[in-house]
Amino acid sequence: MRILVIGGSPHEHGSSNMLAGEFIRGAEEAGHEVEVFDAAKADLHPCIGCDVCGTAGPCTFDDDMTQLKDRIRQADLLAFVTPLYYFSVSTQLKCVIDRFYSFNGELTMMRKKTVFIVAGWDSTDASYACIRSYYQQLCRYLDFQDQGMVIGRGCGTTSMTARSKHLAAAYDLGKGL
């Protein structure tokens, strides 16, 4: 299976990327091909709702999303990775997801498999209700086939993440695909 990890953390060596690394290790050990797109380092413009694309492209912007669309088309599974920022996904990941608008219909028909990996400081379930709901609604709307989530509660620093059970959960999610 071809897996595209779409990372949304501005912290290259942060907790969400630690979890992603374990997910990748597990997926590669299971024989899957993994590619990473780092939204934080990409040249991406936010969707401005101009509707030039008409939800069927091309987008008015010619940036890294053009190449990302091709990588999404080739992938069998999309792994969305983000830190928890104010109860939702990071701006970097949200920018990618908002730009799905330019190929909404095509993306829906692809019925992509997806996973969701989140790292956040708080260890209470309530802090993750909105982000979990956001991902589930995204799956419903775009007809994504959810394959699992790792909600890294209490992963506010890399040392907290290293001591958590979430690294093993991320590895197991990748290995079990």
Protein backbone atom coordinates (compact mmCIF):
# COMPACT_ATOMS: atom_id res chain seq x y z
CA MET A 1 0.00 0.00 0.00
CA ARG A 2 1.18 3.53 -0.76
CA ILE A 3 0.86 5.79 2.27
CA LEU A 4 1.11 9.57 2.17
CA VAL A 5 1.76 11.17 5.55
CA ILE A 6 0.63 14.81 5.57
CA GLY A 7 2.37 16.45 8.51
CA GLY A 8 1.01 19.66 9.95
CA SER A 9 3.51 20.52 12.68
CA PRO A 10 5.80 23.54 12.47
CA HIS A 11 8.09 21.69 14.92
CA GLU A 12 10.22 19.25 12.93
CA HIS A 13 11.24 17.32 16.04
CA GLY A 14 8.01 17.81 17.99
CA SER A 15 5.64 15.33 19.55
CA SER A 16 3.27 14.85 16.63
CA ASN A 17 6.21 14.13 14.33
CA MET A 18 7.56 11.65 16.90
CA LEU A 19 4.24 9.82 16.73
CA ALA A 20 4.32 10.02 12.93
CA GLY A 21 7.82 8.53 12.93
CA GLU A 22 6.60 5.50 14.86
CA PHE A 23 3.59 5.14 12.58
CA ILE A 24 5.93 5.25 9.57
CA ARG A 25 8.31 2.71 11.12
CA GLY A 26 5.43 0.31 11.72
CA ALA A 27 3.99 0.81 8.23
CA GLU A 28 7.36 0.28 6.54
CA GLU A 29 8.03 -2.85 8.60
CA ALA A 30 4.65 -4.13 7.38
CA GLY A 31 5.88 -3.65 3.80
CA HIS A 32 4.10 -0.42 2.93
CA GLU A 33 5.65 2.39 0.92
CA VAL A 34 5.56 5.67 2.85
CA GLU A 35 6.04 9.21 1.62
CA VAL A 36 5.88 12.38 3.74
CA PHE A 37 4.56 15.82 2.83
CA ASP A 38 5.53 18.49 5.36
CA ALA A 39 2.84 21.16 5.15
CA ALA A 40 4.80 23.40 7.52
CA LYS A 41 7.67 23.72 5.05
CA ALA A 42 5.56 23.78 1.90
CA ASP A 43 4.73 26.79 -0.22
CA LEU A 44 0.97 26.84 0.30
CA HIS A 45 -1.55 29.62 0.03
CA PRO A 46 -4.79 29.43 1.98
CA CYS A 47 -8.00 28.91 0.05
CA ILE A 48 -9.58 32.30 -0.54
CA GLY A 49 -12.96 31.00 -1.64
CA CYS A 50 -12.66 32.59 -5.07
CA ASP A 51 -14.36 29.54 -6.67
CA VAL A 52 -12.16 29.75 -9.78
CA CYS A 53 -11.70 25.99 -9.41
CA GLY A 54 -15.41 25.28 -9.23
CA THR A 55 -14.43 22.35 -6.96
CA ALA A 56 -12.92 20.63 -9.98
CA GLY A 57 -9.68 22.63 -10.42
CA PRO A 58 -7.39 24.07 -11.32
CA CYS A 59 -6.88 26.24 -8.28
CA THR A 60 -6.05 29.89 -8.80
CA PHE A 61 -2.79 29.30 -6.91
CA ASP A 62 0.13 27.43 -8.46
CA ASP A 63 2.01 26.29 -5.38
CA ASP A 64 3.01 23.03 -3.70
CA MET A 65 -0.61 21.91 -3.55
CA THR A 66 -0.39 21.14 -7.28
CA GLN A 67 2.21 18.43 -6.61
CA LEU A 68 0.44 17.31 -3.44
CA LYS A 69 -2.75 16.62 -5.39
CA ASP A 70 -0.82 14.20 -7.62
CA ARG A 71 0.71 12.51 -4.57
CA ILE A 72 -2.76 12.20 -3.01
CA ARG A 73 -4.11 10.63 -6.19
CA GLN A 74 -1.33 8.02 -6.11
CA ALA A 75 -1.70 7.18 -2.41
CA ASP A 76 -3.90 4.42 -1.06
CA LEU A 77 -3.96 5.88 2.44
CA LEU A 78 -3.59 9.42 3.79
CA ALA A 79 -2.20 9.89 7.30
CA PHE A 80 -3.09 13.27 8.77
CA VAL A 81 -0.66 14.30 11.52
CA THR A 82 -1.07 17.40 13.68
CA PRO A 83 -0.48 18.92 17.06
CA LEU A 84 -3.60 19.96 18.94
CA TYR A 85 -3.93 23.73 18.49
CA TYR A 86 -6.87 25.33 20.26
CA PHE A 87 -8.92 22.13 20.09
CA SER A 88 -8.37 21.61 16.36
CA VAL A 89 -5.74 20.87 13.71
CA SER A 90 -2.77 23.14 13.08
CA THR A 91 -3.05 25.97 10.59
CA GLN A 92 -0.58 24.18 8.34
CA LEU A 93 -2.74 21.06 8.08
CA LYS A 94 -5.94 23.09 7.86
CA CYS A 95 -4.49 24.95 4.87
CA VAL A 96 -4.01 21.63 3.04
CA ILE A 97 -7.48 20.39 3.93
CA ASP A 98 -9.13 23.67 2.89
CA ARG A 99 -7.43 23.38 -0.48
CA PHE A 100 -9.13 20.02 -1.02
CA TYR A 101 -11.98 22.23 -2.24
CA SER A 102 -10.34 22.48 -5.67
CA PHE A 103 -10.84 18.74 -6.25
CA ASN A 104 -13.62 17.86 -3.81
CA GLY A 105 -15.63 15.69 -6.18
CA GLU A 106 -12.63 13.76 -7.42
CA LEU A 107 -11.32 13.28 -3.90
CA THR A 108 -14.70 12.00 -2.68
CA MET A 109 -14.84 9.44 -5.47
CA MET A 110 -11.38 8.12 -4.51
CA ARG A 111 -12.71 6.80 -1.17
CA LYS A 112 -9.25 7.14 0.39
CA LYS A 113 -8.32 5.25 3.50
CA THR A 114 -7.14 7.57 6.25
CA VAL A 115 -5.64 7.66 9.72
CA PHE A 116 -5.39 10.54 12.16
CA ILE A 117 -2.49 11.19 14.54
CA VAL A 118 -2.64 14.00 17.10
CA ALA A 119 -0.34 15.11 19.91
CA GLY A 120 -1.39 17.57 22.57
CA TRP A 121 -0.42 18.79 26.01
CA ASP A 122 -3.66 18.17 27.87
CA SER A 123 -4.38 14.69 29.13
CA THR A 124 -8.16 15.00 29.45
CA ASP A 125 -10.47 13.54 26.84
CA ALA A 126 -12.60 16.71 26.71
CA SER A 127 -9.79 18.71 25.09
CA TYR A 128 -9.80 16.35 22.09
CA ALA A 129 -13.55 16.16 21.44
CA CYS A 130 -13.54 18.91 18.80
CA ILE A 131 -10.52 17.65 16.86
CA ARG A 132 -11.86 14.09 16.90
CA SER A 133 -15.23 15.35 15.66
CA TYR A 134 -13.53 17.47 12.97
CA TYR A 135 -11.70 14.42 11.60
CA GLN A 136 -14.80 12.24 11.72
CA GLN A 137 -16.84 14.86 9.86
CA LEU A 138 -14.06 15.24 7.28
CA CYS A 139 -14.21 11.48 6.73
CA ARG A 140 -17.98 11.55 6.31
CA TYR A 141 -17.91 14.54 3.97
CA LEU A 142 -15.15 13.27 1.68
CA ASP A 143 -16.10 9.59 1.99
CA PHE A 144 -12.75 8.75 3.59
CA GLN A 145 -12.45 5.30 5.13
CA ASP A 146 -11.06 5.80 8.64
CA GLN A 147 -8.52 3.15 9.57
CA GLY A 148 -7.78 4.44 13.06
CA MET A 149 -6.67 7.29 15.27
CA VAL A 150 -3.93 7.92 17.76
CA ILE A 151 -4.89 10.74 20.09
CA GLY A 152 -1.69 11.50 21.96
CA ARG A 153 -3.04 12.99 25.17
CA GLY A 154 -0.37 14.26 27.54
CA CYS A 155 2.21 14.62 24.76
CA GLY A 156 3.02 18.30 25.27
CA THR A 157 6.79 17.84 25.04
CA THR A 158 8.97 15.28 23.35
CA SER A 159 10.03 13.89 26.74
CA MET A 160 6.37 13.47 27.73
CA THR A 161 5.72 11.76 24.39
CA ALA A 162 8.73 9.48 24.78
CA ARG A 163 7.33 8.22 28.10
CA SER A 164 3.79 7.77 26.78
CA LYS A 165 1.93 4.73 25.50
CA HIS A 166 1.12 6.67 22.34
CA LEU A 167 4.39 5.88 20.55
CA ALA A 168 3.54 2.18 20.71
CA ALA A 169 -0.03 2.91 19.59
CA ALA A 170 1.24 4.85 16.56
CA TYR A 171 3.65 2.05 15.68
CA ASP A 172 0.88 -0.56 16.05
CA LEU A 173 -1.44 1.49 13.85
CA GLY A 174 1.16 1.57 11.06
CA LYS A 175 2.14 -2.06 11.49
CA GLY A 176 -1.49 -3.20 11.50
CA LEU A 177 -2.45 -1.68 8.16
